[in-house]
Amino acid sequence: MPSRSLEVTVYVPFPLILLAGLLISGAAALIVMRTINRRRDLHDTSRVTISRSATLPPEVAFQVRALLSHGRKIAAVKLVRRSTTLDLKEARSLIERLN
């Protein structure tokens, strides 16, 4: 007895293929934009990077350096803590790095 092969035809509607293509291209665009933003952040020297979650704006960094040049370390730590979400230990270590 000869064996029969069973053929199955799958029909995928065009709108479904279009939707899948849009989702894939949208995900690719998001990945590219994130990469561009990360590279831009790496080359931005106007901000002093504290940690991944906090940065000092340029004007605050200028004020902190001015306070440090006058020997006002405690006032500089207070200014850093007010303008960021850093705790006392992180703010002190930042001041030590800037000093």
C-alpha atoms as a PDB file:
ATOM      1  CA  MET A   1       0.000   0.000   0.000  1.00  0.00           C
ATOM      2  CA  PRO A   2       1.464   3.360  -0.961  1.00  0.00           C
ATOM      3  CA  SER A   3       1.855   5.915   1.831  1.00  0.00           C
ATOM      4  CA  ARG A   4      -0.006   9.150   1.548  1.00  0.00           C
ATOM      5  CA  SER A   5       1.522  12.441   2.460  1.00  0.00           C
ATOM      6  CA  LEU A   6      -0.662  14.901   4.266  1.00  0.00           C
ATOM      7  CA  GLU A   7      -0.291  18.474   3.056  1.00  0.00           C
ATOM      8  CA  VAL A   8      -1.396  21.336   5.257  1.00  0.00           C
ATOM      9  CA  THR A   9      -1.694  24.853   3.938  1.00  0.00           C
ATOM     10  CA  VAL A  10      -1.429  27.656   6.477  1.00  0.00           C
ATOM     11  CA  TYR A  11      -3.042  30.934   5.594  1.00  0.00           C
ATOM     12  CA  VAL A  12      -1.670  34.038   7.351  1.00  0.00           C
ATOM     13  CA  PRO A  13      -3.659  37.202   6.690  1.00  0.00           C
ATOM     14  CA  PHE A  14      -1.745  40.198   5.323  1.00  0.00           C
ATOM     15  CA  PRO A  15      -2.729  42.564   8.185  1.00  0.00           C
ATOM     16  CA  LEU A  16      -1.168  40.132  10.665  1.00  0.00           C
ATOM     17  CA  ILE A  17       2.104  40.094   8.711  1.00  0.00           C
ATOM     18  CA  LEU A  18       2.011  43.887   8.501  1.00  0.00           C
ATOM     19  CA  LEU A  19       1.424  44.198  12.251  1.00  0.00           C
ATOM     20  CA  ALA A  20       4.328  41.858  13.021  1.00  0.00           C
ATOM     21  CA  GLY A  21       6.598  43.894  10.745  1.00  0.00           C
ATOM     22  CA  LEU A  22       5.585  47.137  12.441  1.00  0.00           C
ATOM     23  CA  LEU A  23       6.229  45.679  15.889  1.00  0.00           C
ATOM     24  CA  ILE A  24       9.663  44.439  14.898  1.00  0.00           C
ATOM     25  CA  SER A  25      10.634  47.736  13.264  1.00  0.00           C
ATOM     26  CA  GLY A  26       9.325  49.681  16.286  1.00  0.00           C
ATOM     27  CA  ALA A  27      11.405  47.560  18.662  1.00  0.00           C
ATOM     28  CA  ALA A  28      14.481  48.085  16.473  1.00  0.00           C
ATOM     29  CA  ALA A  29      13.881  51.858  16.466  1.00  0.00           C
ATOM     30  CA  LEU A  30      13.663  51.907  20.281  1.00  0.00           C
ATOM     31  CA  ILE A  31      16.937  50.017  20.572  1.00  0.00           C
ATOM     32  CA  VAL A  32      18.662  52.447  18.205  1.00  0.00           C
ATOM     33  CA  MET A  33      17.317  55.499  20.075  1.00  0.00           C
ATOM     34  CA  ARG A  34      18.478  54.127  23.435  1.00  0.00           C
ATOM     35  CA  THR A  35      21.941  53.516  22.015  1.00  0.00           C
ATOM     36  CA  ILE A  36      22.127  57.053  20.627  1.00  0.00           C
ATOM     37  CA  ASN A  37      20.997  58.557  23.948  1.00  0.00           C
ATOM     38  CA  ARG A  38      23.543  56.515  25.926  1.00  0.00           C
ATOM     39  CA  ARG A  39      26.358  57.605  23.626  1.00  0.00           C
ATOM     40  CA  ARG A  40      25.218  61.221  23.906  1.00  0.00           C
ATOM     41  CA  ASP A  41      25.195  60.955  27.709  1.00  0.00           C
ATOM     42  CA  LEU A  42      28.727  59.537  27.684  1.00  0.00           C
ATOM     43  CA  HIS A  43      29.997  62.548  25.743  1.00  0.00           C
ATOM     44  CA  ASP A  44      28.087  65.168  27.761  1.00  0.00           C
ATOM     45  CA  THR A  45      30.768  66.888  29.855  1.00  0.00           C
ATOM     46  CA  SER A  46      28.549  69.675  31.164  1.00  0.00           C
ATOM     47  CA  ARG A  47      27.310  67.488  34.007  1.00  0.00           C
ATOM     48  CA  VAL A  48      29.269  65.902  36.821  1.00  0.00           C
ATOM     49  CA  THR A  49      28.264  62.255  37.061  1.00  0.00           C
ATOM     50  CA  ILE A  50      27.692  61.055  40.586  1.00  0.00           C
ATOM     51  CA  SER A  51      26.205  57.647  40.027  1.00  0.00           C
ATOM     52  CA  ARG A  52      23.936  55.986  37.502  1.00  0.00           C
ATOM     53  CA  SER A  53      20.880  57.608  39.056  1.00  0.00           C
ATOM     54  CA  ALA A  54      22.069  61.151  39.824  1.00  0.00           C
ATOM     55  CA  THR A  55      24.020  63.941  38.162  1.00  0.00           C
ATOM     56  CA  LEU A  56      24.958  67.417  39.292  1.00  0.00           C
ATOM     57  CA  PRO A  57      23.751  70.186  37.019  1.00  0.00           C
ATOM     58  CA  PRO A  58      26.588  72.449  35.807  1.00  0.00           C
ATOM     59  CA  GLU A  59      25.517  75.427  37.915  1.00  0.00           C
ATOM     60  CA  VAL A  60      25.414  73.310  41.099  1.00  0.00           C
ATOM     61  CA  ALA A  61      28.823  71.810  40.300  1.00  0.00           C
ATOM     62  CA  PHE A  62      30.179  75.351  39.891  1.00  0.00           C
ATOM     63  CA  GLN A  63      28.713  76.386  43.265  1.00  0.00           C
ATOM     64  CA  VAL A  64      30.122  73.278  44.948  1.00  0.00           C
ATOM     65  CA  ARG A  65      33.601  73.983  43.563  1.00  0.00           C
ATOM     66  CA  ALA A  66      33.323  77.595  44.739  1.00  0.00           C
ATOM     67  CA  LEU A  67      32.365  76.468  48.249  1.00  0.00           C
ATOM     68  CA  LEU A  68      35.235  73.975  48.303  1.00  0.00           C
ATOM     69  CA  SER A  69      37.726  76.635  47.204  1.00  0.00           C
ATOM     70  CA  HIS A  70      36.673  78.705  50.238  1.00  0.00           C
ATOM     71  CA  GLY A  71      37.001  75.720  52.590  1.00  0.00           C
ATOM     72  CA  ARG A  72      33.253  75.331  53.180  1.00  0.00           C
ATOM     73  CA  LYS A  73      33.039  71.552  52.846  1.00  0.00           C
ATOM     74  CA  ILE A  74      29.922  71.125  55.012  1.00  0.00           C
ATOM     75  CA  ALA A  75      28.001  73.730  53.002  1.00  0.00           C
ATOM     76  CA  ALA A  76      29.075  71.950  49.804  1.00  0.00           C
ATOM     77  CA  VAL A  77      27.794  68.603  51.133  1.00  0.00           C
ATOM     78  CA  LYS A  78      24.482  70.232  52.091  1.00  0.00           C
ATOM     79  CA  LEU A  79      24.148  71.743  48.625  1.00  0.00           C
ATOM     80  CA  VAL A  80      24.825  68.392  46.964  1.00  0.00           C
ATOM     81  CA  ARG A  81      22.275  66.645  49.173  1.00  0.00           C
ATOM     82  CA  ARG A  82      19.642  69.326  48.477  1.00  0.00           C
ATOM     83  CA  SER A  83      20.067  69.147  44.718  1.00  0.00           C
ATOM     84  CA  THR A  84      20.311  65.347  44.411  1.00  0.00           C
ATOM     85  CA  THR A  85      18.872  62.242  46.036  1.00  0.00           C
ATOM     86  CA  LEU A  86      22.217  61.225  47.526  1.00  0.00           C
ATOM     87  CA  ASP A  87      22.590  60.272  51.150  1.00  0.00           C
ATOM     88  CA  LEU A  88      25.265  61.775  53.399  1.00  0.00           C
ATOM     89  CA  LYS A  89      27.931  59.158  52.668  1.00  0.00           C
ATOM     90  CA  GLU A  90      27.527  59.426  48.874  1.00  0.00           C
ATOM     91  CA  ALA A  91      27.515  63.235  48.997  1.00  0.00           C
ATOM     92  CA  ARG A  92      30.715  63.251  51.097  1.00  0.00           C
ATOM     93  CA  SER A  93      32.454  60.888  48.692  1.00  0.00           C
ATOM     94  CA  LEU A  94      31.455  63.112  45.761  1.00  0.00           C
ATOM     95  CA  ILE A  95      32.863  66.152  47.560  1.00  0.00           C
ATOM     96  CA  GLU A  96      36.092  64.257  48.206  1.00  0.00           C
ATOM     97  CA  ARG A  97      36.382  63.437  44.500  1.00  0.00           C
ATOM     98  CA  LEU A  98      35.776  67.051  43.496  1.00  0.00           C
ATOM     99  CA  ASN A  99      38.169  68.440  46.129  1.00  0.00           C
END
